[in-house]
Amino acid sequence: MKTFDNEWTVDLFEGHPSFFTKRMFGGLAVYMHGRQMLVLVEPTRTGRWQWHGVLVCTDHRHHQPIIKEFPRLAPHDVLKKWLYIDSRDRDFEPTLTKVAAAIARDDPRFGIHPRPRRERVAPRHRI
């Protein structure tokens, strides 16, 4: 299984009963407290995108308070609903360490609730 350069960011969550990860769009989605919190992203082999960093999942209404506390985060250029920090940012590690600590404390500004999956209805067979 592929590992991600920035998987160290989730070390703080290890052992928490609600913590799990899942592959998403070539990245690694991080879930905790019943919410999707982060997506670790790296350039795709297909060249679909060249992002290398971490997407921070949050609602638009929380952007400004989070940016005030974590000024290296900014709305992503494409996925504007989420905040982003590039792994080449000079404050990447200290910023992500503090963000991870806020997530571990269950800071309500972080995370989005996944949409409930719709149950699939079995196709009806014609006779």
C-alpha atoms as a PDB file:
ATOM      1  CA  MET A   1       0.000   0.000   0.000  1.00  0.00           C
ATOM      2  CA  LYS A   2       1.306   3.464  -0.903  1.00  0.00           C
ATOM      3  CA  THR A   3       2.564   5.603   1.926  1.00  0.00           C
ATOM      4  CA  PHE A   4       2.389   9.386   1.906  1.00  0.00           C
ATOM      5  CA  ASP A   5       5.253  11.744   2.722  1.00  0.00           C
ATOM      6  CA  ASN A   6       3.147  13.591   5.280  1.00  0.00           C
ATOM      7  CA  GLU A   7       1.656  10.628   7.149  1.00  0.00           C
ATOM      8  CA  TRP A   8       3.561  11.776  10.246  1.00  0.00           C
ATOM      9  CA  THR A   9       0.819  14.404  10.629  1.00  0.00           C
ATOM     10  CA  VAL A  10      -1.627  11.729  11.788  1.00  0.00           C
ATOM     11  CA  ASP A  11       0.688  10.101  14.367  1.00  0.00           C
ATOM     12  CA  LEU A  12      -1.085  12.061  17.106  1.00  0.00           C
ATOM     13  CA  PHE A  13      -4.359  10.323  16.189  1.00  0.00           C
ATOM     14  CA  GLU A  14      -3.047   6.740  16.397  1.00  0.00           C
ATOM     15  CA  GLY A  15      -4.930   4.741  18.988  1.00  0.00           C
ATOM     16  CA  HIS A  16      -7.944   7.064  19.081  1.00  0.00           C
ATOM     17  CA  PRO A  17     -11.054   4.887  18.670  1.00  0.00           C
ATOM     18  CA  SER A  18     -12.624   7.129  16.011  1.00  0.00           C
ATOM     19  CA  PHE A  19      -9.482   7.485  13.859  1.00  0.00           C
ATOM     20  CA  PHE A  20      -9.256   5.887  10.419  1.00  0.00           C
ATOM     21  CA  THR A  21      -7.946   6.695   6.951  1.00  0.00           C
ATOM     22  CA  LYS A  22      -9.317   6.033   3.498  1.00  0.00           C
ATOM     23  CA  ARG A  23      -8.001   6.557  -0.027  1.00  0.00           C
ATOM     24  CA  MET A  24      -9.658   9.483  -1.768  1.00  0.00           C
ATOM     25  CA  PHE A  25      -8.873  10.997  -5.184  1.00  0.00           C
ATOM     26  CA  GLY A  26      -5.312   9.695  -5.075  1.00  0.00           C
ATOM     27  CA  GLY A  27      -4.827  11.129  -1.586  1.00  0.00           C
ATOM     28  CA  LEU A  28      -5.324   9.866   1.929  1.00  0.00           C
ATOM     29  CA  ALA A  29      -8.417  11.126   3.767  1.00  0.00           C
ATOM     30  CA  VAL A  30      -8.149  11.286   7.551  1.00  0.00           C
ATOM     31  CA  TYR A  31     -11.258  10.811   9.705  1.00  0.00           C
ATOM     32  CA  MET A  32     -11.682  11.408  13.390  1.00  0.00           C
ATOM     33  CA  HIS A  33     -14.586  12.221  15.716  1.00  0.00           C
ATOM     34  CA  GLY A  34     -16.968  11.125  12.936  1.00  0.00           C
ATOM     35  CA  ARG A  35     -15.717  13.831  10.536  1.00  0.00           C
ATOM     36  CA  GLN A  36     -13.357  14.001   7.602  1.00  0.00           C
ATOM     37  CA  MET A  37     -10.542  16.199   8.892  1.00  0.00           C
ATOM     38  CA  LEU A  38      -7.654  16.183   6.422  1.00  0.00           C
ATOM     39  CA  VAL A  39      -6.635  14.927   3.003  1.00  0.00           C
ATOM     40  CA  LEU A  40      -2.940  14.291   2.416  1.00  0.00           C
ATOM     41  CA  VAL A  41      -2.226  14.991  -1.257  1.00  0.00           C
ATOM     42  CA  GLU A  42       0.728  14.343  -3.533  1.00  0.00           C
ATOM     43  CA  PRO A  43       1.182  14.729  -7.291  1.00  0.00           C
ATOM     44  CA  THR A  44      -0.675  12.046  -9.202  1.00  0.00           C
ATOM     45  CA  ARG A  45       1.080   9.698 -11.604  1.00  0.00           C
ATOM     46  CA  THR A  46      -1.366  10.755 -14.311  1.00  0.00           C
ATOM     47  CA  GLY A  47      -0.509  14.421 -13.829  1.00  0.00           C
ATOM     48  CA  ARG A  48      -4.102  15.284 -12.910  1.00  0.00           C
ATOM     49  CA  TRP A  49      -2.697  17.595 -10.228  1.00  0.00           C
ATOM     50  CA  GLN A  50       0.661  18.558  -8.792  1.00  0.00           C
ATOM     51  CA  TRP A  51      -0.427  19.391  -5.237  1.00  0.00           C
ATOM     52  CA  HIS A  52       1.862  18.246  -2.455  1.00  0.00           C
ATOM     53  CA  GLY A  53       0.586  19.132   0.971  1.00  0.00           C
ATOM     54  CA  VAL A  54      -2.455  18.828   3.182  1.00  0.00           C
ATOM     55  CA  LEU A  55      -6.056  19.878   2.620  1.00  0.00           C
ATOM     56  CA  VAL A  56      -7.794  20.876   5.847  1.00  0.00           C
ATOM     57  CA  CYS A  57     -11.511  20.071   5.693  1.00  0.00           C
ATOM     58  CA  THR A  58     -13.750  22.773   7.122  1.00  0.00           C
ATOM     59  CA  ASP A  59     -16.813  24.887   6.353  1.00  0.00           C
ATOM     60  CA  HIS A  60     -16.425  28.329   4.743  1.00  0.00           C
ATOM     61  CA  ARG A  61     -17.725  29.981   7.921  1.00  0.00           C
ATOM     62  CA  HIS A  62     -14.656  28.721   9.807  1.00  0.00           C
ATOM     63  CA  HIS A  63     -12.047  29.864   7.270  1.00  0.00           C
ATOM     64  CA  GLN A  64     -11.297  33.276   8.765  1.00  0.00           C
ATOM     65  CA  PRO A  65     -11.029  32.186  12.425  1.00  0.00           C
ATOM     66  CA  ILE A  66      -8.785  29.266  11.430  1.00  0.00           C
ATOM     67  CA  ILE A  67      -6.604  31.437   9.173  1.00  0.00           C
ATOM     68  CA  LYS A  68      -6.284  33.983  11.972  1.00  0.00           C
ATOM     69  CA  GLU A  69      -4.926  31.255  14.264  1.00  0.00           C
ATOM     70  CA  PHE A  70      -2.996  29.391  11.537  1.00  0.00           C
ATOM     71  CA  PRO A  71      -1.929  32.102   9.041  1.00  0.00           C
ATOM     72  CA  ARG A  72      -0.033  29.678   6.757  1.00  0.00           C
ATOM     73  CA  LEU A  73      -3.339  28.006   5.787  1.00  0.00           C
ATOM     74  CA  ALA A  74      -5.224  29.460   2.823  1.00  0.00           C
ATOM     75  CA  PRO A  75      -8.199  28.464   0.683  1.00  0.00           C
ATOM     76  CA  HIS A  76      -7.072  25.938  -1.921  1.00  0.00           C
ATOM     77  CA  ASP A  77      -6.832  27.326  -5.466  1.00  0.00           C
ATOM     78  CA  VAL A  78      -9.172  24.672  -6.888  1.00  0.00           C
ATOM     79  CA  LEU A  79     -11.022  23.208  -3.891  1.00  0.00           C
ATOM     80  CA  LYS A  80     -11.874  26.581  -2.350  1.00  0.00           C
ATOM     81  CA  LYS A  81     -14.179  25.051   0.255  1.00  0.00           C
ATOM     82  CA  TRP A  82     -11.119  23.674   2.083  1.00  0.00           C
ATOM     83  CA  LEU A  83      -7.931  25.203   3.409  1.00  0.00           C
ATOM     84  CA  TYR A  84      -4.521  24.063   2.203  1.00  0.00           C
ATOM     85  CA  ILE A  85      -0.866  24.226   3.087  1.00  0.00           C
ATOM     86  CA  ASP A  86       1.849  23.203   0.642  1.00  0.00           C
ATOM     87  CA  SER A  87       4.505  20.881   2.034  1.00  0.00           C
ATOM     88  CA  ARG A  88       7.198  23.290   0.769  1.00  0.00           C
ATOM     89  CA  ASP A  89       5.888  26.077   3.014  1.00  0.00           C
ATOM     90  CA  ARG A  90       8.558  27.143   5.495  1.00  0.00           C
ATOM     91  CA  ASP A  91       6.116  26.655   8.407  1.00  0.00           C
ATOM     92  CA  PHE A  92       4.547  23.430   7.151  1.00  0.00           C
ATOM     93  CA  GLU A  93       5.582  21.153  10.029  1.00  0.00           C
ATOM     94  CA  PRO A  94       4.835  23.524  12.928  1.00  0.00           C
ATOM     95  CA  THR A  95       1.509  24.531  11.364  1.00  0.00           C
ATOM     96  CA  LEU A  96       0.380  20.944  10.788  1.00  0.00           C
ATOM     97  CA  THR A  97       1.511  19.911  14.263  1.00  0.00           C
ATOM     98  CA  LYS A  98      -0.727  22.613  15.767  1.00  0.00           C
ATOM     99  CA  VAL A  99      -3.633  21.796  13.430  1.00  0.00           C
ATOM    100  CA  ALA A 100      -3.349  18.095  14.364  1.00  0.00           C
ATOM    101  CA  ALA A 101      -3.426  19.017  18.063  1.00  0.00           C
ATOM    102  CA  ALA A 102      -6.617  21.064  17.513  1.00  0.00           C
ATOM    103  CA  ILE A 103      -8.196  18.146  15.632  1.00  0.00           C
ATOM    104  CA  ALA A 104      -7.198  15.712  18.399  1.00  0.00           C
ATOM    105  CA  ARG A 105      -8.955  18.022  20.908  1.00  0.00           C
ATOM    106  CA  ASP A 106     -12.086  17.811  18.705  1.00  0.00           C
ATOM    107  CA  ASP A 107     -12.043  21.515  17.806  1.00  0.00           C
ATOM    108  CA  PRO A 108     -15.469  21.946  16.131  1.00  0.00           C
ATOM    109  CA  ARG A 109     -14.064  24.297  13.460  1.00  0.00           C
ATOM    110  CA  PHE A 110     -12.304  21.362  11.831  1.00  0.00           C
ATOM    111  CA  GLY A 111     -13.862  18.576   9.810  1.00  0.00           C
ATOM    112  CA  ILE A 112     -16.859  17.956   7.644  1.00  0.00           C
ATOM    113  CA  HIS A 113     -19.499  15.305   8.153  1.00  0.00           C
ATOM    114  CA  PRO A 114     -19.434  12.802   5.316  1.00  0.00           C
ATOM    115  CA  ARG A 115     -22.612  12.594   3.316  1.00  0.00           C
ATOM    116  CA  PRO A 116     -24.655   9.556   4.251  1.00  0.00           C
ATOM    117  CA  ARG A 117     -24.421   6.810   1.683  1.00  0.00           C
ATOM    118  CA  ARG A 118     -27.628   6.142  -0.138  1.00  0.00           C
ATOM    119  CA  GLU A 119     -28.759   2.584  -0.023  1.00  0.00           C
ATOM    120  CA  ARG A 120     -28.684   0.944  -3.396  1.00  0.00           C
ATOM    121  CA  VAL A 121     -31.920  -0.538  -4.527  1.00  0.00           C
ATOM    122  CA  ALA A 122     -31.491  -3.902  -6.205  1.00  0.00           C
ATOM    123  CA  PRO A 123     -32.477  -3.745  -9.866  1.00  0.00           C
ATOM    124  CA  ARG A 124     -35.748  -5.398 -10.658  1.00  0.00           C
ATOM    125  CA  HIS A 125     -35.497  -8.314 -13.016  1.00  0.00           C
ATOM    126  CA  ARG A 126     -37.950  -8.579 -15.837  1.00  0.00           C
ATOM    127  CA  ILE A 127     -39.688 -11.853 -16.311  1.00  0.00           C
END
